[in-house]
Amino acid sequence: MCSSDLENLLDRNYYENVISNVTPLQNQGRLYKKFLLLEIDVMNIKLILKMKQENLQEKTIKDLIFTYGTIKKQTIEQLLKSDDVVKELEKTALKDAITEHKESLSELELQFDVFLLREAAKLIKQSPLSVDTIIGYMFMKDKEVKNLSRIVKAKQLELSDE
């Protein structure tokens, strides 16, 4: 078992656990569950984009996809078969995540991260007296820590500011 298989297994276990704990919370967890499913969708899309760039077979990619998101199975199948994943995404609910067609995978990933940050901000604004505020804040802080880690790593590697 390679490290990416182990990482995928841990992610799958994490999301299964979180979803099973959120499902019994009727109204209180509604916004969080919606955000969580959106996060899974974005993770699946990023995975498809990365794996297609590596020219992996459809079946290999399909085995790594999480089945919990809001994107329908047939749409995932279409994304896996398509040569232009971004064009296919414009037919889904994630079309708002792509502000303009980017050629670079890192630019697309950045657009998806910004989209999730906007959605996390909505969690904070929509129900300021609920646990959704804390969850939105935690997600935003997590992204901030990851960004700072990337900056530090880039400085260590002596990369240019661009």
Protein backbone atom coordinates (compact mmCIF):
# COMPACT_ATOMS: atom_id res chain seq x y z
CA MET A 1 0.00 0.00 0.00
CA CYS A 2 1.49 3.32 -1.06
CA SER A 3 1.15 6.60 0.82
CA SER A 4 -1.55 7.98 -1.50
CA ASP A 5 -3.67 4.85 -0.93
CA LEU A 6 -3.28 5.27 2.82
CA GLU A 7 -4.12 8.96 2.61
CA ASN A 8 -7.24 8.19 0.54
CA LEU A 9 -8.30 5.52 3.03
CA LEU A 10 -7.90 7.95 5.95
CA ASP A 11 -9.86 10.66 4.10
CA ARG A 12 -12.64 8.19 3.28
CA ASN A 13 -12.82 7.06 6.91
CA TYR A 14 -12.89 10.67 8.13
CA TYR A 15 -15.75 11.71 5.82
CA GLU A 16 -17.76 8.56 6.53
CA ASN A 17 -17.44 9.25 10.25
CA VAL A 18 -18.34 12.94 9.99
CA ILE A 19 -21.33 12.33 7.71
CA SER A 20 -22.68 9.60 9.98
CA ASN A 21 -22.46 12.00 12.94
CA VAL A 22 -24.06 14.93 11.10
CA THR A 23 -26.94 12.98 9.53
CA PRO A 24 -28.95 12.58 12.79
CA LEU A 25 -28.80 16.35 13.41
CA GLN A 26 -31.88 17.46 11.53
CA ASN A 27 -32.01 21.24 11.21
CA GLN A 28 -28.95 22.14 13.25
CA GLY A 29 -26.55 20.30 10.96
CA ARG A 30 -28.24 21.10 7.66
CA LEU A 31 -25.89 23.91 6.59
CA TYR A 32 -22.80 22.07 7.77
CA LYS A 33 -23.81 18.89 5.94
CA LYS A 34 -24.41 20.90 2.76
CA PHE A 35 -20.95 22.47 3.12
CA LEU A 36 -19.36 19.11 3.87
CA LEU A 37 -20.88 17.53 0.74
CA LEU A 38 -19.68 20.52 -1.29
CA GLU A 39 -16.19 20.04 0.11
CA ILE A 40 -16.30 16.38 -0.96
CA ASP A 41 -17.43 17.44 -4.45
CA VAL A 42 -14.49 19.84 -4.73
CA MET A 43 -12.11 17.18 -3.47
CA ASN A 44 -13.44 14.75 -6.10
CA ILE A 45 -13.06 17.31 -8.88
CA LYS A 46 -9.51 18.14 -7.84
CA LEU A 47 -8.75 14.42 -7.77
CA ILE A 48 -10.17 13.90 -11.25
CA LEU A 49 -8.21 16.85 -12.63
CA LYS A 50 -4.93 15.69 -11.07
CA MET A 51 -5.32 12.05 -12.06
CA LYS A 52 -6.35 12.88 -15.63
CA GLN A 53 -3.28 15.10 -15.91
CA GLU A 54 -1.21 12.08 -14.85
CA ASN A 55 -2.98 10.03 -17.56
CA LEU A 56 -4.33 7.44 -15.14
CA GLN A 57 -7.00 5.03 -16.31
CA GLU A 58 -10.67 5.79 -15.67
CA LYS A 59 -11.13 2.79 -13.40
CA THR A 60 -8.18 3.78 -11.22
CA ILE A 61 -9.57 7.28 -10.77
CA LYS A 62 -13.10 5.96 -10.21
CA ASP A 63 -11.86 3.78 -7.33
CA LEU A 64 -10.52 6.88 -5.57
CA ILE A 65 -13.71 8.98 -5.90
CA PHE A 66 -15.82 9.55 -2.79
CA THR A 67 -19.46 8.65 -3.37
CA TYR A 68 -20.92 11.06 -0.80
CA GLY A 69 -20.91 14.34 -2.69
CA THR A 70 -23.83 16.04 -4.37
CA ILE A 71 -22.57 15.45 -7.90
CA LYS A 72 -24.53 12.59 -9.45
CA LYS A 73 -22.79 9.35 -10.36
CA GLN A 74 -23.54 9.80 -14.06
CA THR A 75 -22.00 13.29 -13.98
CA ILE A 76 -18.85 11.85 -12.38
CA GLU A 77 -18.79 9.24 -15.16
CA GLN A 78 -19.08 12.02 -17.74
CA LEU A 79 -16.24 13.96 -16.09
CA LEU A 80 -14.04 10.87 -16.15
CA LYS A 81 -14.69 10.32 -19.86
CA SER A 82 -14.37 13.95 -20.91
CA ASP A 83 -11.22 15.49 -22.34
CA ASP A 84 -12.35 18.91 -21.06
CA VAL A 85 -13.38 18.46 -17.42
CA VAL A 86 -13.77 22.20 -16.89
CA LYS A 87 -16.29 22.46 -19.72
CA GLU A 88 -18.28 19.56 -18.21
CA LEU A 89 -18.15 21.25 -14.78
CA GLU A 90 -19.92 24.26 -16.21
CA LYS A 91 -23.02 22.05 -16.44
CA THR A 92 -22.96 21.29 -12.69
CA ALA A 93 -23.66 23.17 -9.46
CA LEU A 94 -19.92 23.83 -9.20
CA LYS A 95 -19.98 26.14 -12.21
CA ASP A 96 -19.85 29.08 -9.78
CA ALA A 97 -16.45 27.87 -8.57
CA ILE A 98 -14.88 28.47 -11.95
CA THR A 99 -14.79 32.20 -12.56
CA GLU A 100 -12.80 31.88 -15.77
CA HIS A 101 -11.38 28.99 -17.74
CA LYS A 102 -7.85 28.34 -16.50
CA GLU A 103 -5.35 26.13 -18.23
CA SER A 104 -3.18 25.53 -15.18
CA LEU A 105 -4.22 22.91 -12.64
CA SER A 106 -2.86 24.99 -9.76
CA GLU A 107 -4.98 27.98 -10.86
CA LEU A 108 -8.08 25.78 -11.00
CA GLU A 109 -7.34 24.36 -7.55
CA LEU A 110 -6.95 27.90 -6.24
CA GLN A 111 -10.35 28.84 -7.70
CA PHE A 112 -11.93 25.88 -5.93
CA ASP A 113 -10.26 26.84 -2.64
CA VAL A 114 -11.56 30.40 -2.97
CA PHE A 115 -15.04 29.01 -3.72
CA LEU A 116 -14.95 26.89 -0.55
CA LEU A 117 -13.79 29.90 1.48
CA ARG A 118 -16.76 31.90 0.18
CA GLU A 119 -19.08 29.05 1.14
CA ALA A 120 -17.49 28.87 4.62
CA ALA A 121 -18.08 32.61 4.99
CA LYS A 122 -21.75 31.99 4.17
CA LEU A 123 -21.91 29.51 7.04
CA ILE A 124 -20.77 32.26 9.38
CA LYS A 125 -23.22 34.84 8.03
CA GLN A 126 -26.32 32.67 7.60
CA SER A 127 -26.59 31.46 11.17
CA PRO A 128 -24.32 33.51 13.43
CA LEU A 129 -25.64 31.96 16.66
CA SER A 130 -25.13 28.34 15.68
CA VAL A 131 -22.28 25.87 15.53
CA ASP A 132 -22.04 26.59 11.79
CA THR A 133 -20.18 29.80 12.68
CA ILE A 134 -17.49 27.84 14.50
CA ILE A 135 -17.20 25.30 11.69
CA GLY A 136 -16.92 28.04 9.05
CA TYR A 137 -14.28 29.80 11.13
CA MET A 138 -12.32 26.55 11.62
CA PHE A 139 -12.38 25.82 7.89
CA MET A 140 -11.13 29.32 7.11
CA LYS A 141 -8.34 29.01 9.70
CA ASP A 142 -7.35 25.62 8.30
CA LYS A 143 -6.94 27.17 4.83
CA GLU A 144 -4.94 30.02 6.35
CA VAL A 145 -2.54 27.58 8.05
CA LYS A 146 -2.14 25.61 4.80
CA ASN A 147 -1.39 28.82 2.90
CA LEU A 148 1.19 29.88 5.46
CA SER A 149 2.79 26.42 5.27
CA ARG A 150 3.00 26.74 1.49
CA ILE A 151 4.65 30.15 1.79
CA VAL A 152 7.22 28.83 4.28
CA LYS A 153 7.96 25.80 2.08
CA ALA A 154 8.33 28.06 -0.99
CA LYS A 155 10.76 30.29 0.93
CA GLN A 156 12.75 27.24 2.03
CA LEU A 157 12.95 26.09 -1.59
CA GLU A 158 14.00 29.64 -2.54
CA LEU A 159 11.18 29.99 -5.07
CA SER A 160 10.35 33.41 -6.49
CA ASP A 161 7.34 35.32 -5.16
CA GLU A 162 5.32 34.48 -8.27
